[in-house]
Amino acid sequence: MDFSVLRYALGTKNEAKAKAVLMATGCEPLCMSVSSGISGQPLSEEETVRGAINRAKAARIQAGEGYVGLGLEGGLAFDGVHTHQWYLISICAAWNGEQLFIGKGLAFPIPNAAVERIKREGIELSTVIDEWSGTSGSNHRGGAYGLLTEGFIQRAEVFRDAVVAALTPFVSPFYKE
């Protein structure tokens, strides 16, 4: 599949997310800061998807015609049915001005201690991960995935898969009517 036939406007300047788009498409996205319109740390899949859509639409509007707007949003979601566990999720929304598609990356279990602090202190997961790893800006690099898997999974890789999933309907002949 040739994703390079499109131009991309990414609704963030986050380095890991920009790398994810480059890995998925072979193209450098036009990166811009736009509002997600949601909380700093989404605590449901619905809120995370809404933030990704808001970013994708804002990026597309700001970039103009000829671009596919991409919104990449990480959030936490609780599985109250099967595992009673919190998961880190990665969502990509792709909007070309007419069609919207959502791609989802890996759902990864997050230690309860992290989520308890996030809820109690009103902080973001990146703050906890920075503290645990003794670094800063981890969300621009490996993120929680990198720390928890000792580098086996990187944040950009998880978002890459979400980007591929969201963009496939724009380039695959199987989605054409």
C-alpha atoms as a PDB file:
ATOM      1  CA  MET A   1       0.000   0.000   0.000  1.00  0.00           C
ATOM      2  CA  ASP A   2       1.341   3.406  -0.931  1.00  0.00           C
ATOM      3  CA  PHE A   3       0.547   5.901   1.820  1.00  0.00           C
ATOM      4  CA  SER A   4       2.900   8.465   0.234  1.00  0.00           C
ATOM      5  CA  VAL A   5       0.205   9.464  -2.282  1.00  0.00           C
ATOM      6  CA  LEU A   6      -1.362  11.630   0.452  1.00  0.00           C
ATOM      7  CA  ARG A   7      -0.155  14.623   2.461  1.00  0.00           C
ATOM      8  CA  TYR A   8      -0.639  14.630   6.224  1.00  0.00           C
ATOM      9  CA  ALA A   9      -1.291  17.324   8.801  1.00  0.00           C
ATOM     10  CA  LEU A  10      -0.680  16.061  12.331  1.00  0.00           C
ATOM     11  CA  GLY A  11      -2.465  17.782  15.195  1.00  0.00           C
ATOM     12  CA  THR A  12       0.527  17.758  17.552  1.00  0.00           C
ATOM     13  CA  LYS A  13       4.239  18.479  17.664  1.00  0.00           C
ATOM     14  CA  ASN A  14       4.937  15.401  19.795  1.00  0.00           C
ATOM     15  CA  GLU A  15       8.090  13.727  18.465  1.00  0.00           C
ATOM     16  CA  ALA A  16       6.935  10.132  19.021  1.00  0.00           C
ATOM     17  CA  LYS A  17       3.656  10.801  17.205  1.00  0.00           C
ATOM     18  CA  ALA A  18       5.398  12.527  14.281  1.00  0.00           C
ATOM     19  CA  LYS A  19       7.785   9.560  14.069  1.00  0.00           C
ATOM     20  CA  ALA A  20       4.784   7.212  14.034  1.00  0.00           C
ATOM     21  CA  VAL A  21       3.319   8.988  10.998  1.00  0.00           C
ATOM     22  CA  LEU A  22       6.683   8.896   9.220  1.00  0.00           C
ATOM     23  CA  MET A  23       7.074   5.175  10.009  1.00  0.00           C
ATOM     24  CA  ALA A  24       3.539   4.437   8.779  1.00  0.00           C
ATOM     25  CA  THR A  25       3.504   6.544   5.619  1.00  0.00           C
ATOM     26  CA  GLY A  26       7.096   7.302   4.636  1.00  0.00           C
ATOM     27  CA  CYS A  27       6.089  10.984   4.707  1.00  0.00           C
ATOM     28  CA  GLU A  28       7.015  13.765   7.111  1.00  0.00           C
ATOM     29  CA  PRO A  29       3.745  15.191   8.428  1.00  0.00           C
ATOM     30  CA  LEU A  30       3.049  18.890   8.730  1.00  0.00           C
ATOM     31  CA  CYS A  31       3.009  19.149  12.539  1.00  0.00           C
ATOM     32  CA  MET A  32       0.969  21.776  14.350  1.00  0.00           C
ATOM     33  CA  SER A  33      -0.260  22.385  17.853  1.00  0.00           C
ATOM     34  CA  VAL A  34      -4.027  22.092  18.073  1.00  0.00           C
ATOM     35  CA  SER A  35      -6.349  21.530  20.986  1.00  0.00           C
ATOM     36  CA  SER A  36      -7.736  18.089  21.700  1.00  0.00           C
ATOM     37  CA  GLY A  37     -10.744  19.662  23.428  1.00  0.00           C
ATOM     38  CA  ILE A  38     -10.571  17.015  26.154  1.00  0.00           C
ATOM     39  CA  SER A  39      -8.795  16.583  29.493  1.00  0.00           C
ATOM     40  CA  GLY A  40      -5.012  16.277  29.615  1.00  0.00           C
ATOM     41  CA  GLN A  41      -5.363  12.631  30.605  1.00  0.00           C
ATOM     42  CA  PRO A  42      -8.396  10.955  29.023  1.00  0.00           C
ATOM     43  CA  LEU A  43      -9.876   8.238  31.226  1.00  0.00           C
ATOM     44  CA  SER A  44     -12.119   6.445  28.731  1.00  0.00           C
ATOM     45  CA  GLU A  45     -11.950   5.165  25.192  1.00  0.00           C
ATOM     46  CA  GLU A  46     -14.776   7.493  24.173  1.00  0.00           C
ATOM     47  CA  GLU A  47     -12.925  10.581  25.439  1.00  0.00           C
ATOM     48  CA  THR A  48      -9.674   9.427  23.817  1.00  0.00           C
ATOM     49  CA  VAL A  49     -11.390   8.912  20.454  1.00  0.00           C
ATOM     50  CA  ARG A  50     -13.108  12.311  20.744  1.00  0.00           C
ATOM     51  CA  GLY A  51      -9.738  13.982  21.387  1.00  0.00           C
ATOM     52  CA  ALA A  52      -8.193  12.268  18.358  1.00  0.00           C
ATOM     53  CA  ILE A  53     -11.097  13.357  16.145  1.00  0.00           C
ATOM     54  CA  ASN A  54     -10.887  16.938  17.412  1.00  0.00           C
ATOM     55  CA  ARG A  55      -7.156  17.043  16.642  1.00  0.00           C
ATOM     56  CA  ALA A  56      -7.605  15.506  13.176  1.00  0.00           C
ATOM     57  CA  LYS A  57     -10.318  17.967  12.185  1.00  0.00           C
ATOM     58  CA  ALA A  58      -8.432  20.981  13.569  1.00  0.00           C
ATOM     59  CA  ALA A  59      -5.211  19.937  11.799  1.00  0.00           C
ATOM     60  CA  ARG A  60      -7.048  19.470   8.489  1.00  0.00           C
ATOM     61  CA  ILE A  61      -8.714  22.869   8.798  1.00  0.00           C
ATOM     62  CA  GLN A  62      -5.448  24.584   9.673  1.00  0.00           C
ATOM     63  CA  ALA A  63      -3.475  22.845   6.886  1.00  0.00           C
ATOM     64  CA  GLY A  64      -6.174  23.288   4.255  1.00  0.00           C
ATOM     65  CA  GLU A  65      -7.333  21.327   1.237  1.00  0.00           C
ATOM     66  CA  GLY A  66      -5.148  18.512   0.023  1.00  0.00           C
ATOM     67  CA  TYR A  67      -4.238  17.255   3.480  1.00  0.00           C
ATOM     68  CA  VAL A  68      -5.514  14.403   5.578  1.00  0.00           C
ATOM     69  CA  GLY A  69      -5.760  15.597   9.156  1.00  0.00           C
ATOM     70  CA  LEU A  70      -4.428  13.163  11.728  1.00  0.00           C
ATOM     71  CA  GLY A  71      -5.174  13.200  15.426  1.00  0.00           C
ATOM     72  CA  LEU A  72      -3.211  10.842  17.631  1.00  0.00           C
ATOM     73  CA  GLU A  73      -4.368  10.529  21.209  1.00  0.00           C
ATOM     74  CA  GLY A  74      -3.254   8.303  24.053  1.00  0.00           C
ATOM     75  CA  GLY A  75      -5.627   7.585  26.895  1.00  0.00           C
ATOM     76  CA  LEU A  76      -6.593   5.159  29.613  1.00  0.00           C
ATOM     77  CA  ALA A  77      -9.602   2.865  29.499  1.00  0.00           C
ATOM     78  CA  PHE A  78     -10.947   0.536  32.165  1.00  0.00           C
ATOM     79  CA  ASP A  79     -12.113  -2.980  31.342  1.00  0.00           C
ATOM     80  CA  GLY A  80     -14.838  -3.531  33.908  1.00  0.00           C
ATOM     81  CA  VAL A  81     -16.073  -6.769  32.332  1.00  0.00           C
ATOM     82  CA  HIS A  82     -13.201  -9.198  31.863  1.00  0.00           C
ATOM     83  CA  THR A  83     -10.011  -8.127  33.623  1.00  0.00           C
ATOM     84  CA  HIS A  84     -10.991  -5.204  35.866  1.00  0.00           C
ATOM     85  CA  GLN A  85      -7.771  -3.589  34.679  1.00  0.00           C
ATOM     86  CA  TRP A  86      -6.813  -0.175  33.255  1.00  0.00           C
ATOM     87  CA  TYR A  87      -5.275  -0.136  29.780  1.00  0.00           C
ATOM     88  CA  LEU A  88      -3.221   2.428  27.900  1.00  0.00           C
ATOM     89  CA  ILE A  89      -4.775   2.890  24.464  1.00  0.00           C
ATOM     90  CA  SER A  90      -3.547   4.695  21.371  1.00  0.00           C
ATOM     91  CA  ILE A  91      -6.006   6.114  18.867  1.00  0.00           C
ATOM     92  CA  CYS A  92      -5.568   7.697  15.438  1.00  0.00           C
ATOM     93  CA  ALA A  93      -8.326   9.654  13.720  1.00  0.00           C
ATOM     94  CA  ALA A  94      -7.910  10.460  10.027  1.00  0.00           C
ATOM     95  CA  TRP A  95     -10.116  13.116   8.393  1.00  0.00           C
ATOM     96  CA  ASN A  96      -9.905  14.258   4.766  1.00  0.00           C
ATOM     97  CA  GLY A  97     -12.728  16.774   4.973  1.00  0.00           C
ATOM     98  CA  GLU A  98     -15.328  14.229   3.896  1.00  0.00           C
ATOM     99  CA  GLN A  99     -14.518  10.895   5.513  1.00  0.00           C
ATOM    100  CA  LEU A 100     -13.431  10.009   9.030  1.00  0.00           C
ATOM    101  CA  PHE A 101     -11.731   6.771  10.012  1.00  0.00           C
ATOM    102  CA  ILE A 102     -10.432   5.613  13.393  1.00  0.00           C
ATOM    103  CA  GLY A 103      -7.464   3.311  13.935  1.00  0.00           C
ATOM    104  CA  LYS A 104      -6.547   1.757  17.245  1.00  0.00           C
ATOM    105  CA  GLY A 105      -3.161   0.581  18.434  1.00  0.00           C
ATOM    106  CA  LEU A 106      -2.225  -1.854  21.136  1.00  0.00           C
ATOM    107  CA  ALA A 107      -4.188  -1.882  24.413  1.00  0.00           C
ATOM    108  CA  PHE A 108      -1.574  -2.298  27.129  1.00  0.00           C
ATOM    109  CA  PRO A 109      -2.218  -3.007  30.855  1.00  0.00           C
ATOM    110  CA  ILE A 110      -1.095  -0.160  33.107  1.00  0.00           C
ATOM    111  CA  PRO A 111      -0.052  -0.711  36.732  1.00  0.00           C
ATOM    112  CA  ASN A 112      -2.835   0.206  39.133  1.00  0.00           C
ATOM    113  CA  ALA A 113      -0.437   2.375  41.138  1.00  0.00           C
ATOM    114  CA  ALA A 114      -0.034   4.698  38.136  1.00  0.00           C
ATOM    115  CA  VAL A 115      -3.759   5.060  37.561  1.00  0.00           C
ATOM    116  CA  GLU A 116      -4.450   5.649  41.265  1.00  0.00           C
ATOM    117  CA  ARG A 117      -1.961   8.552  41.258  1.00  0.00           C
ATOM    118  CA  ILE A 118      -3.384   9.983  38.034  1.00  0.00           C
ATOM    119  CA  LYS A 119      -6.894   9.995  39.457  1.00  0.00           C
ATOM    120  CA  ARG A 120      -5.894  11.164  42.938  1.00  0.00           C
ATOM    121  CA  GLU A 121      -3.501  13.940  41.865  1.00  0.00           C
ATOM    122  CA  GLY A 122      -5.043  14.934  38.539  1.00  0.00           C
ATOM    123  CA  ILE A 123      -1.773  14.338  36.692  1.00  0.00           C
ATOM    124  CA  GLU A 124      -0.984  12.744  33.336  1.00  0.00           C
ATOM    125  CA  LEU A 125       0.518   9.306  32.793  1.00  0.00           C
ATOM    126  CA  SER A 126       3.641  10.947  31.340  1.00  0.00           C
ATOM    127  CA  THR A 127       4.343  12.544  34.740  1.00  0.00           C
ATOM    128  CA  VAL A 128       4.280   9.152  36.445  1.00  0.00           C
ATOM    129  CA  ILE A 129       6.407   7.545  33.738  1.00  0.00           C
ATOM    130  CA  ASP A 130       8.949  10.395  33.890  1.00  0.00           C
ATOM    131  CA  GLU A 131       9.224   9.913  37.662  1.00  0.00           C
ATOM    132  CA  TRP A 132       9.514   6.130  37.438  1.00  0.00           C
ATOM    133  CA  SER A 133      12.144   6.332  34.696  1.00  0.00           C
ATOM    134  CA  GLY A 134      14.058   9.269  36.196  1.00  0.00           C
ATOM    135  CA  THR A 135      13.782  11.188  32.913  1.00  0.00           C
ATOM    136  CA  SER A 136      11.671  13.926  31.409  1.00  0.00           C
ATOM    137  CA  GLY A 137       9.738  14.041  28.169  1.00  0.00           C
ATOM    138  CA  SER A 138       9.349  10.274  27.998  1.00  0.00           C
ATOM    139  CA  ASN A 139       6.108  10.746  26.037  1.00  0.00           C
ATOM    140  CA  HIS A 140       8.227  12.100  23.147  1.00  0.00           C
ATOM    141  CA  ARG A 141      10.260   8.883  23.119  1.00  0.00           C
ATOM    142  CA  GLY A 142       9.399   5.365  24.303  1.00  0.00           C
ATOM    143  CA  GLY A 143       6.683   6.441  26.732  1.00  0.00           C
ATOM    144  CA  ALA A 144       5.012   4.040  29.145  1.00  0.00           C
ATOM    145  CA  TYR A 145       5.348   1.235  26.609  1.00  0.00           C
ATOM    146  CA  GLY A 146       9.133   1.660  26.494  1.00  0.00           C
ATOM    147  CA  LEU A 147       9.559   1.787  30.250  1.00  0.00           C
ATOM    148  CA  LEU A 148       7.240  -1.093  31.109  1.00  0.00           C
ATOM    149  CA  THR A 149       8.649  -3.413  28.402  1.00  0.00           C
ATOM    150  CA  GLU A 150      12.289  -2.338  28.921  1.00  0.00           C
ATOM    151  CA  GLY A 151      12.339  -0.928  25.387  1.00  0.00           C
ATOM    152  CA  PHE A 152      10.745  -3.894  23.651  1.00  0.00           C
ATOM    153  CA  ILE A 153       7.750  -1.776  22.557  1.00  0.00           C
ATOM    154  CA  GLN A 154       8.071   1.929  21.769  1.00  0.00           C
ATOM    155  CA  ARG A 155       5.344   4.573  21.750  1.00  0.00           C
ATOM    156  CA  ALA A 156       5.933   5.472  18.089  1.00  0.00           C
ATOM    157  CA  GLU A 157       5.470   1.822  17.066  1.00  0.00           C
ATOM    158  CA  VAL A 158       2.086   1.554  18.758  1.00  0.00           C
ATOM    159  CA  PHE A 159       0.883   4.803  17.197  1.00  0.00           C
ATOM    160  CA  ARG A 160       2.309   3.663  13.811  1.00  0.00           C
ATOM    161  CA  ASP A 161      -0.099   0.734  13.833  1.00  0.00           C
ATOM    162  CA  ALA A 162      -3.023   3.022  14.704  1.00  0.00           C
ATOM    163  CA  VAL A 163      -2.037   5.369  11.848  1.00  0.00           C
ATOM    164  CA  VAL A 164      -1.887   2.490   9.347  1.00  0.00           C
ATOM    165  CA  ALA A 165      -5.305   1.277  10.488  1.00  0.00           C
ATOM    166  CA  ALA A 166      -6.898   4.735  10.168  1.00  0.00           C
ATOM    167  CA  LEU A 167      -5.344   5.489   6.762  1.00  0.00           C
ATOM    168  CA  THR A 168      -5.891   2.138   5.047  1.00  0.00           C
ATOM    169  CA  PRO A 169      -9.451   3.007   3.903  1.00  0.00           C
ATOM    170  CA  PHE A 170      -8.067   6.069   2.068  1.00  0.00           C
ATOM    171  CA  VAL A 171      -5.581   4.093  -0.043  1.00  0.00           C
ATOM    172  CA  SER A 172      -6.792   0.487  -0.257  1.00  0.00           C
ATOM    173  CA  PRO A 173      -8.915  -0.397  -3.297  1.00  0.00           C
ATOM    174  CA  PHE A 174     -11.062  -2.652  -1.112  1.00  0.00           C
ATOM    175  CA  TYR A 175     -12.744   0.376   0.468  1.00  0.00           C
ATOM    176  CA  LYS A 176     -13.713   2.059  -2.802  1.00  0.00           C
ATOM    177  CA  GLU A 177     -17.372   1.924  -3.703  1.00  0.00           C
END
